[in-house]
Amino acid sequence: MTFTITIYRDDILRRVKMTTAYLAVNHHDAPASFDRIAAASADDDILRHYWQDACEESNACLRSWIHTAATLPSVDADRYEVMLRMRPPEVSLRQESVSSMLQAMMVASILSRWTSITCPEAENRFVAETQDWRARLARLLSFKPHRRRGVW
């Protein structure tokens, strides 16, 4: 059985911009660093490029479960859509979880690239977070429920 996950670029980039604004406000040199750290509308071209990288990373992570040959969205594409195959009883239980984990991984991936330029001291945090989300997603997709024995 297959199911499709659709993630919209604008939703992900909005979450990235909110997080960069939060990082800038809470930076030890907040007033001076806000313009450097926070992503603004002028940075959309760079963020779109990072969106493409995040889509490629998602395809690499989901390679074993992709139903059809995944075509990467173009840089101008406004969404990432992937069709995954799973066993029937698992689909309904996991579709929402897979979607939310994939979104979190994409946000962390974009943030790791963005902070490598704007706030290098925070870069390692988001690299580790991306790897953590990727491992969680693989565990969720690989999990096989065991049959339960009857209770006597």
N, C-alpha and C. Protein backbone atom coordinates (compact mmCIF):
# COMPACT_ATOMS: atom_id res chain seq x y z
N MET A 1 0.85 -1.17 0.00
CA MET A 1 0.00 0.00 0.00
C MET A 1 0.90 1.24 0.00
N THR A 2 0.46 2.27 -0.68
CA THR A 2 1.25 3.50 -0.77
C THR A 2 0.49 4.67 -0.19
N PHE A 3 1.23 5.67 0.19
CA PHE A 3 0.62 6.94 0.59
C PHE A 3 1.55 8.07 0.16
N THR A 4 0.96 9.23 -0.02
CA THR A 4 1.70 10.38 -0.51
C THR A 4 1.83 11.42 0.60
N ILE A 5 3.02 11.97 0.71
CA ILE A 5 3.28 13.05 1.65
C ILE A 5 3.60 14.29 0.83
N THR A 6 2.93 15.37 1.14
CA THR A 6 3.17 16.63 0.46
C THR A 6 3.60 17.67 1.50
N ILE A 7 4.72 18.31 1.23
CA ILE A 7 5.23 19.35 2.12
C ILE A 7 5.40 20.61 1.28
N TYR A 8 4.83 21.70 1.75
CA TYR A 8 4.88 22.95 1.01
C TYR A 8 6.08 23.79 1.43
N ARG A 9 6.77 24.31 0.42
CA ARG A 9 7.98 25.10 0.65
C ARG A 9 7.71 26.30 1.55
N ASP A 10 6.61 27.01 1.32
CA ASP A 10 6.33 28.21 2.10
C ASP A 10 6.16 27.90 3.58
N ASP A 11 5.58 26.75 3.91
CA ASP A 11 5.43 26.37 5.32
C ASP A 11 6.80 26.14 5.97
N ILE A 12 7.67 25.45 5.26
CA ILE A 12 9.00 25.16 5.80
C ILE A 12 9.81 26.45 5.94
N LEU A 13 9.80 27.29 4.91
CA LEU A 13 10.58 28.52 4.96
C LEU A 13 10.04 29.49 6.01
N ARG A 14 8.74 29.47 6.25
CA ARG A 14 8.18 30.30 7.32
C ARG A 14 8.71 29.85 8.68
N ARG A 15 8.77 28.53 8.89
CA ARG A 15 9.31 28.00 10.15
C ARG A 15 10.80 28.33 10.27
N VAL A 16 11.53 28.29 9.16
CA VAL A 16 12.96 28.64 9.18
C VAL A 16 13.12 30.11 9.57
N LYS A 17 12.33 30.98 8.98
CA LYS A 17 12.43 32.41 9.28
C LYS A 17 12.06 32.71 10.73
N MET A 18 11.05 32.03 11.26
CA MET A 18 10.70 32.22 12.66
C MET A 18 11.84 31.78 13.57
N THR A 19 12.46 30.66 13.25
CA THR A 19 13.56 30.16 14.07
C THR A 19 14.78 31.07 13.99
N THR A 20 15.09 31.57 12.81
CA THR A 20 16.25 32.47 12.69
C THR A 20 16.00 33.78 13.44
N ALA A 21 14.76 34.25 13.41
CA ALA A 21 14.44 35.47 14.18
C ALA A 21 14.60 35.20 15.68
N TYR A 22 14.16 34.03 16.12
CA TYR A 22 14.33 33.66 17.53
C TYR A 22 15.81 33.56 17.90
N LEU A 23 16.61 32.95 17.04
CA LEU A 23 18.04 32.85 17.29
C LEU A 23 18.68 34.23 17.38
N ALA A 24 18.28 35.13 16.49
CA ALA A 24 18.86 36.47 16.47
C ALA A 24 18.49 37.26 17.72
N VAL A 25 17.25 37.15 18.16
CA VAL A 25 16.81 37.89 19.35
C VAL A 25 17.51 37.37 20.60
N ASN A 26 17.72 36.07 20.67
CA ASN A 26 18.34 35.48 21.85
C ASN A 26 19.85 35.36 21.76
N HIS A 27 20.45 35.92 20.74
CA HIS A 27 21.91 35.89 20.58
C HIS A 27 22.52 36.83 21.62
N HIS A 28 23.73 36.51 22.08
CA HIS A 28 24.37 37.33 23.12
C HIS A 28 24.61 38.76 22.67
N ASP A 29 24.68 39.00 21.39
CA ASP A 29 24.86 40.35 20.84
C ASP A 29 23.63 40.70 20.00
N ALA A 30 22.47 40.60 20.63
CA ALA A 30 21.19 40.64 19.92
C ALA A 30 20.98 41.85 19.02
N PRO A 31 21.09 43.08 19.48
CA PRO A 31 20.76 44.19 18.57
C PRO A 31 21.67 44.25 17.34
N ALA A 32 22.94 43.97 17.53
CA ALA A 32 23.88 44.08 16.42
C ALA A 32 23.80 42.88 15.47
N SER A 33 23.36 41.75 15.97
CA SER A 33 23.39 40.54 15.13
C SER A 33 22.05 40.21 14.49
N PHE A 34 21.02 40.95 14.79
CA PHE A 34 19.69 40.59 14.26
C PHE A 34 19.68 40.57 12.73
N ASP A 35 20.21 41.62 12.11
CA ASP A 35 20.20 41.68 10.64
C ASP A 35 21.07 40.60 10.01
N ARG A 36 22.09 40.15 10.74
CA ARG A 36 22.99 39.13 10.20
C ARG A 36 22.38 37.73 10.30
N ILE A 37 21.69 37.44 11.39
CA ILE A 37 21.21 36.09 11.65
C ILE A 37 19.80 35.84 11.10
N ALA A 38 18.89 36.78 11.30
CA ALA A 38 17.49 36.58 10.91
C ALA A 38 17.36 36.57 9.39
N ALA A 39 16.62 35.60 8.89
CA ALA A 39 16.37 35.51 7.45
C ALA A 39 15.25 36.48 7.09
N ALA A 40 15.47 37.24 6.04
CA ALA A 40 14.48 38.22 5.59
C ALA A 40 14.04 37.88 4.17
N SER A 41 13.16 38.69 3.64
CA SER A 41 12.65 38.45 2.28
C SER A 41 13.77 38.52 1.24
N ALA A 42 14.79 39.33 1.51
CA ALA A 42 15.91 39.45 0.57
C ALA A 42 16.71 38.16 0.48
N ASP A 43 16.58 37.30 1.47
CA ASP A 43 17.34 36.04 1.51
C ASP A 43 16.59 34.87 0.88
N ASP A 44 15.46 35.12 0.25
CA ASP A 44 14.63 34.04 -0.27
C ASP A 44 15.34 33.18 -1.33
N ASP A 45 16.19 33.79 -2.15
CA ASP A 45 16.90 33.00 -3.17
C ASP A 45 17.82 31.98 -2.53
N ILE A 46 18.52 32.39 -1.48
CA ILE A 46 19.42 31.46 -0.78
C ILE A 46 18.60 30.36 -0.11
N LEU A 47 17.50 30.75 0.53
CA LEU A 47 16.66 29.77 1.21
C LEU A 47 16.03 28.78 0.23
N ARG A 48 15.69 29.24 -0.97
CA ARG A 48 15.16 28.32 -1.99
C ARG A 48 16.21 27.30 -2.40
N HIS A 49 17.45 27.75 -2.49
CA HIS A 49 18.54 26.81 -2.80
C HIS A 49 18.68 25.79 -1.67
N TYR A 50 18.60 26.24 -0.43
CA TYR A 50 18.67 25.32 0.71
C TYR A 50 17.46 24.40 0.75
N TRP A 51 16.31 24.87 0.28
CA TRP A 51 15.11 24.04 0.17
C TRP A 51 15.39 22.87 -0.78
N GLN A 52 16.02 23.16 -1.91
CA GLN A 52 16.37 22.11 -2.88
C GLN A 52 17.31 21.09 -2.25
N ASP A 53 18.29 21.57 -1.48
CA ASP A 53 19.21 20.65 -0.79
C ASP A 53 18.47 19.79 0.22
N ALA A 54 17.52 20.38 0.93
CA ALA A 54 16.75 19.63 1.92
C ALA A 54 15.88 18.56 1.23
N CYS A 55 15.35 18.88 0.06
CA CYS A 55 14.57 17.89 -0.69
C CYS A 55 15.45 16.72 -1.13
N GLU A 56 16.66 17.02 -1.57
CA GLU A 56 17.59 15.96 -1.96
C GLU A 56 17.96 15.10 -0.76
N GLU A 57 18.17 15.74 0.39
CA GLU A 57 18.48 14.99 1.60
C GLU A 57 17.31 14.10 2.02
N SER A 58 16.09 14.61 1.85
CA SER A 58 14.91 13.82 2.18
C SER A 58 14.80 12.60 1.27
N ASN A 59 15.06 12.79 -0.01
CA ASN A 59 15.03 11.66 -0.94
C ASN A 59 16.07 10.61 -0.56
N ALA A 60 17.24 11.05 -0.14
CA ALA A 60 18.29 10.10 0.27
C ALA A 60 17.85 9.33 1.51
N CYS A 61 17.19 10.01 2.43
CA CYS A 61 16.74 9.36 3.66
C CYS A 61 15.61 8.36 3.39
N LEU A 62 14.74 8.69 2.46
CA LEU A 62 13.56 7.87 2.19
C LEU A 62 13.76 6.87 1.06
N ARG A 63 14.96 6.77 0.56
CA ARG A 63 15.24 5.94 -0.62
C ARG A 63 14.66 4.53 -0.54
N SER A 64 14.74 3.88 0.59
CA SER A 64 14.26 2.50 0.71
C SER A 64 12.74 2.38 0.68
N TRP A 65 12.04 3.46 0.96
CA TRP A 65 10.58 3.39 1.06
C TRP A 65 9.87 4.13 -0.08
N ILE A 66 10.63 4.73 -0.99
CA ILE A 66 10.00 5.47 -2.08
C ILE A 66 9.37 4.49 -3.05
N HIS A 67 8.12 4.74 -3.38
CA HIS A 67 7.35 3.83 -4.24
C HIS A 67 7.78 3.96 -5.70
N THR A 68 7.87 5.17 -6.18
CA THR A 68 8.24 5.39 -7.58
C THR A 68 9.55 6.16 -7.60
N ALA A 69 10.15 6.23 -8.75
CA ALA A 69 11.39 7.00 -8.88
C ALA A 69 11.07 8.45 -8.53
N ALA A 70 11.71 8.94 -7.51
CA ALA A 70 11.41 10.29 -7.03
C ALA A 70 12.05 11.32 -7.95
N THR A 71 11.27 12.26 -8.33
CA THR A 71 11.81 13.37 -9.11
C THR A 71 11.94 14.54 -8.16
N LEU A 72 13.10 15.10 -8.13
CA LEU A 72 13.33 16.22 -7.23
C LEU A 72 12.57 17.44 -7.73
N PRO A 73 11.99 18.18 -6.81
CA PRO A 73 11.33 19.41 -7.25
C PRO A 73 12.37 20.41 -7.74
N SER A 74 11.98 21.22 -8.69
CA SER A 74 12.90 22.25 -9.16
C SER A 74 12.99 23.33 -8.09
N VAL A 75 13.94 24.22 -8.25
CA VAL A 75 14.13 25.28 -7.26
C VAL A 75 12.88 26.14 -7.13
N ASP A 76 12.13 26.28 -8.21
CA ASP A 76 10.92 27.10 -8.17
C ASP A 76 9.69 26.31 -7.70
N ALA A 77 9.84 25.01 -7.52
CA ALA A 77 8.70 24.20 -7.10
C ALA A 77 8.23 24.65 -5.71
N ASP A 78 6.93 24.68 -5.54
CA ASP A 78 6.40 25.17 -4.26
C ASP A 78 6.07 24.05 -3.30
N ARG A 79 6.38 22.80 -3.69
CA ARG A 79 6.08 21.69 -2.79
C ARG A 79 7.01 20.52 -3.05
N TYR A 80 7.09 19.67 -2.03
CA TYR A 80 7.85 18.42 -2.12
C TYR A 80 6.83 17.32 -1.93
N GLU A 81 6.75 16.45 -2.90
CA GLU A 81 5.77 15.37 -2.84
C GLU A 81 6.49 14.04 -3.05
N VAL A 82 6.22 13.10 -2.16
CA VAL A 82 6.86 11.80 -2.26
C VAL A 82 5.83 10.72 -1.96
N MET A 83 5.91 9.63 -2.71
CA MET A 83 5.01 8.51 -2.50
C MET A 83 5.80 7.38 -1.87
N LEU A 84 5.35 6.95 -0.70
CA LEU A 84 6.04 5.89 0.04
C LEU A 84 5.20 4.63 0.05
N ARG A 85 5.87 3.49 0.16
CA ARG A 85 5.15 2.23 0.25
C ARG A 85 5.39 1.62 1.63
N MET A 86 4.32 1.11 2.20
CA MET A 86 4.37 0.45 3.50
C MET A 86 3.31 -0.63 3.54
N ARG A 87 3.38 -1.46 4.57
CA ARG A 87 2.36 -2.48 4.74
C ARG A 87 1.04 -1.82 5.16
N PRO A 88 -0.10 -2.37 4.74
CA PRO A 88 -1.41 -1.72 4.99
C PRO A 88 -1.70 -1.32 6.45
N PRO A 89 -1.49 -2.17 7.45
CA PRO A 89 -1.87 -1.73 8.78
C PRO A 89 -1.02 -0.58 9.31
N GLU A 90 0.17 -0.40 8.74
CA GLU A 90 1.07 0.63 9.24
C GLU A 90 0.81 1.99 8.65
N VAL A 91 0.17 2.05 7.52
CA VAL A 91 0.01 3.32 6.81
C VAL A 91 -0.81 4.32 7.61
N SER A 92 -1.96 3.92 8.06
CA SER A 92 -2.84 4.86 8.75
C SER A 92 -2.24 5.33 10.07
N LEU A 93 -1.43 4.49 10.69
CA LEU A 93 -0.83 4.85 11.97
C LEU A 93 0.34 5.81 11.82
N ARG A 94 1.02 5.75 10.71
CA ARG A 94 2.28 6.47 10.59
C ARG A 94 2.31 7.65 9.65
N GLN A 95 1.32 7.82 8.82
CA GLN A 95 1.39 8.85 7.80
C GLN A 95 1.60 10.25 8.39
N GLU A 96 0.85 10.60 9.40
CA GLU A 96 0.98 11.92 10.00
C GLU A 96 2.33 12.07 10.71
N SER A 97 2.78 11.02 11.38
CA SER A 97 4.07 11.07 12.07
C SER A 97 5.22 11.22 11.08
N VAL A 98 5.17 10.49 9.99
CA VAL A 98 6.22 10.58 8.98
C VAL A 98 6.25 11.99 8.40
N SER A 99 5.08 12.55 8.13
CA SER A 99 5.01 13.89 7.56
C SER A 99 5.60 14.93 8.52
N SER A 100 5.24 14.87 9.79
CA SER A 100 5.75 15.87 10.73
C SER A 100 7.25 15.69 10.97
N MET A 101 7.73 14.44 11.02
CA MET A 101 9.17 14.22 11.18
C MET A 101 9.95 14.70 9.97
N LEU A 102 9.41 14.47 8.79
CA LEU A 102 10.06 14.91 7.57
C LEU A 102 10.13 16.43 7.52
N GLN A 103 9.07 17.10 7.94
CA GLN A 103 9.08 18.56 7.99
C GLN A 103 10.14 19.07 8.97
N ALA A 104 10.20 18.46 10.14
CA ALA A 104 11.18 18.88 11.15
C ALA A 104 12.61 18.66 10.65
N MET A 105 12.83 17.54 9.94
CA MET A 105 14.15 17.26 9.40
C MET A 105 14.53 18.29 8.35
N MET A 106 13.58 18.67 7.50
CA MET A 106 13.86 19.65 6.45
C MET A 106 14.17 21.02 7.05
N VAL A 107 13.42 21.41 8.08
CA VAL A 107 13.67 22.69 8.73
C VAL A 107 15.07 22.69 9.36
N ALA A 108 15.41 21.63 10.07
CA ALA A 108 16.73 21.55 10.70
C ALA A 108 17.84 21.54 9.65
N SER A 109 17.61 20.87 8.54
CA SER A 109 18.60 20.82 7.47
C SER A 109 18.86 22.21 6.89
N ILE A 110 17.80 22.94 6.62
CA ILE A 110 17.94 24.31 6.09
C ILE A 110 18.61 25.21 7.13
N LEU A 111 18.22 25.06 8.39
CA LEU A 111 18.82 25.88 9.44
C LEU A 111 20.31 25.58 9.62
N SER A 112 20.71 24.33 9.45
CA SER A 112 22.14 24.01 9.59
C SER A 112 22.95 24.70 8.50
N ARG A 113 22.41 24.78 7.31
CA ARG A 113 23.10 25.47 6.22
C ARG A 113 23.10 26.98 6.44
N TRP A 114 21.97 27.52 6.89
CA TRP A 114 21.84 28.96 7.11
C TRP A 114 22.76 29.42 8.24
N THR A 115 22.79 28.67 9.33
CA THR A 115 23.62 29.10 10.47
C THR A 115 25.11 28.92 10.19
N SER A 116 25.47 28.08 9.23
CA SER A 116 26.89 27.97 8.88
C SER A 116 27.41 29.29 8.32
N ILE A 117 26.52 30.09 7.76
CA ILE A 117 26.88 31.39 7.21
C ILE A 117 26.71 32.49 8.25
N THR A 118 25.60 32.48 8.94
CA THR A 118 25.21 33.62 9.77
C THR A 118 25.57 33.51 11.24
N CYS A 119 25.60 32.31 11.77
CA CYS A 119 25.81 32.12 13.20
C CYS A 119 26.54 30.80 13.42
N PRO A 120 27.84 30.75 13.10
CA PRO A 120 28.57 29.47 13.14
C PRO A 120 28.53 28.75 14.48
N GLU A 121 28.36 29.48 15.58
CA GLU A 121 28.32 28.80 16.89
C GLU A 121 27.06 27.95 17.05
N ALA A 122 26.02 28.19 16.27
CA ALA A 122 24.79 27.40 16.35
C ALA A 122 24.72 26.31 15.30
N GLU A 123 25.67 26.28 14.39
CA GLU A 123 25.62 25.32 13.28
C GLU A 123 25.61 23.87 13.75
N ASN A 124 26.50 23.52 14.67
CA ASN A 124 26.60 22.13 15.13
C ASN A 124 25.31 21.63 15.74
N ARG A 125 24.59 22.53 16.39
CA ARG A 125 23.30 22.16 17.00
C ARG A 125 22.33 21.67 15.93
N PHE A 126 22.24 22.38 14.84
CA PHE A 126 21.26 22.03 13.80
C PHE A 126 21.74 20.86 12.94
N VAL A 127 23.04 20.70 12.79
CA VAL A 127 23.56 19.52 12.10
C VAL A 127 23.20 18.26 12.89
N ALA A 128 23.41 18.33 14.21
CA ALA A 128 23.07 17.19 15.07
C ALA A 128 21.56 16.94 15.08
N GLU A 129 20.78 18.01 15.07
CA GLU A 129 19.32 17.87 15.06
C GLU A 129 18.85 17.23 13.76
N THR A 130 19.44 17.60 12.64
CA THR A 130 19.09 17.00 11.35
C THR A 130 19.39 15.50 11.38
N GLN A 131 20.55 15.14 11.88
CA GLN A 131 20.91 13.72 11.96
C GLN A 131 19.97 12.96 12.89
N ASP A 132 19.58 13.60 13.98
CA ASP A 132 18.65 12.97 14.92
C ASP A 132 17.29 12.73 14.28
N TRP A 133 16.75 13.73 13.57
CA TRP A 133 15.46 13.56 12.89
C TRP A 133 15.54 12.49 11.82
N ARG A 134 16.67 12.44 11.13
CA ARG A 134 16.85 11.43 10.08
C ARG A 134 16.85 10.03 10.67
N ALA A 135 17.53 9.85 11.80
CA ALA A 135 17.55 8.54 12.47
C ALA A 135 16.17 8.17 13.00
N ARG A 136 15.45 9.14 13.56
CA ARG A 136 14.10 8.87 14.06
C ARG A 136 13.17 8.45 12.93
N LEU A 137 13.28 9.14 11.81
CA LEU A 137 12.44 8.82 10.65
C LEU A 137 12.74 7.42 10.14
N ALA A 138 13.99 7.06 10.06
CA ALA A 138 14.36 5.71 9.61
C ALA A 138 13.84 4.65 10.58
N ARG A 139 13.94 4.92 11.89
CA ARG A 139 13.41 3.97 12.89
C ARG A 139 11.91 3.82 12.76
N LEU A 140 11.21 4.93 12.56
CA LEU A 140 9.75 4.87 12.43
C LEU A 140 9.34 4.07 11.19
N LEU A 141 10.01 4.31 10.09
CA LEU A 141 9.66 3.61 8.85
C LEU A 141 10.08 2.14 8.88
N SER A 142 11.10 1.81 9.65
CA SER A 142 11.59 0.44 9.72
C SER A 142 10.88 -0.41 10.76
N PHE A 143 10.15 0.20 11.64
CA PHE A 143 9.51 -0.52 12.74
C PHE A 143 8.47 -1.49 12.20
N LYS A 144 8.51 -2.73 12.71
CA LYS A 144 7.54 -3.74 12.33
C LYS A 144 6.80 -4.17 13.60
N PRO A 145 5.50 -3.94 13.64
CA PRO A 145 4.77 -4.35 14.84
C PRO A 145 4.71 -5.86 14.94
N HIS A 146 4.81 -6.35 16.15
CA HIS A 146 4.74 -7.79 16.39
C HIS A 146 3.31 -8.18 16.75
N ARG A 147 2.97 -9.38 16.39
CA ARG A 147 1.65 -9.87 16.75
C ARG A 147 1.57 -10.03 18.25
N ARG A 148 0.45 -9.68 18.79
CA ARG A 148 0.24 -9.84 20.23
C ARG A 148 -0.33 -11.19 20.53
N ARG A 149 0.12 -11.73 21.60
CA ARG A 149 -0.45 -13.00 22.06
C ARG A 149 -1.73 -12.72 22.81
N GLY A 150 -2.59 -13.67 22.80
CA GLY A 150 -3.83 -13.53 23.55
C GLY A 150 -3.58 -13.50 25.05
N VAL A 151 -4.34 -12.73 25.75
CA VAL A 151 -4.20 -12.63 27.21
C VAL A 151 -5.05 -13.71 27.83
N TRP A 152 -4.49 -14.50 28.71
CA TRP A 152 -5.21 -15.63 29.33
C TRP A 152 -5.83 -15.22 30.62
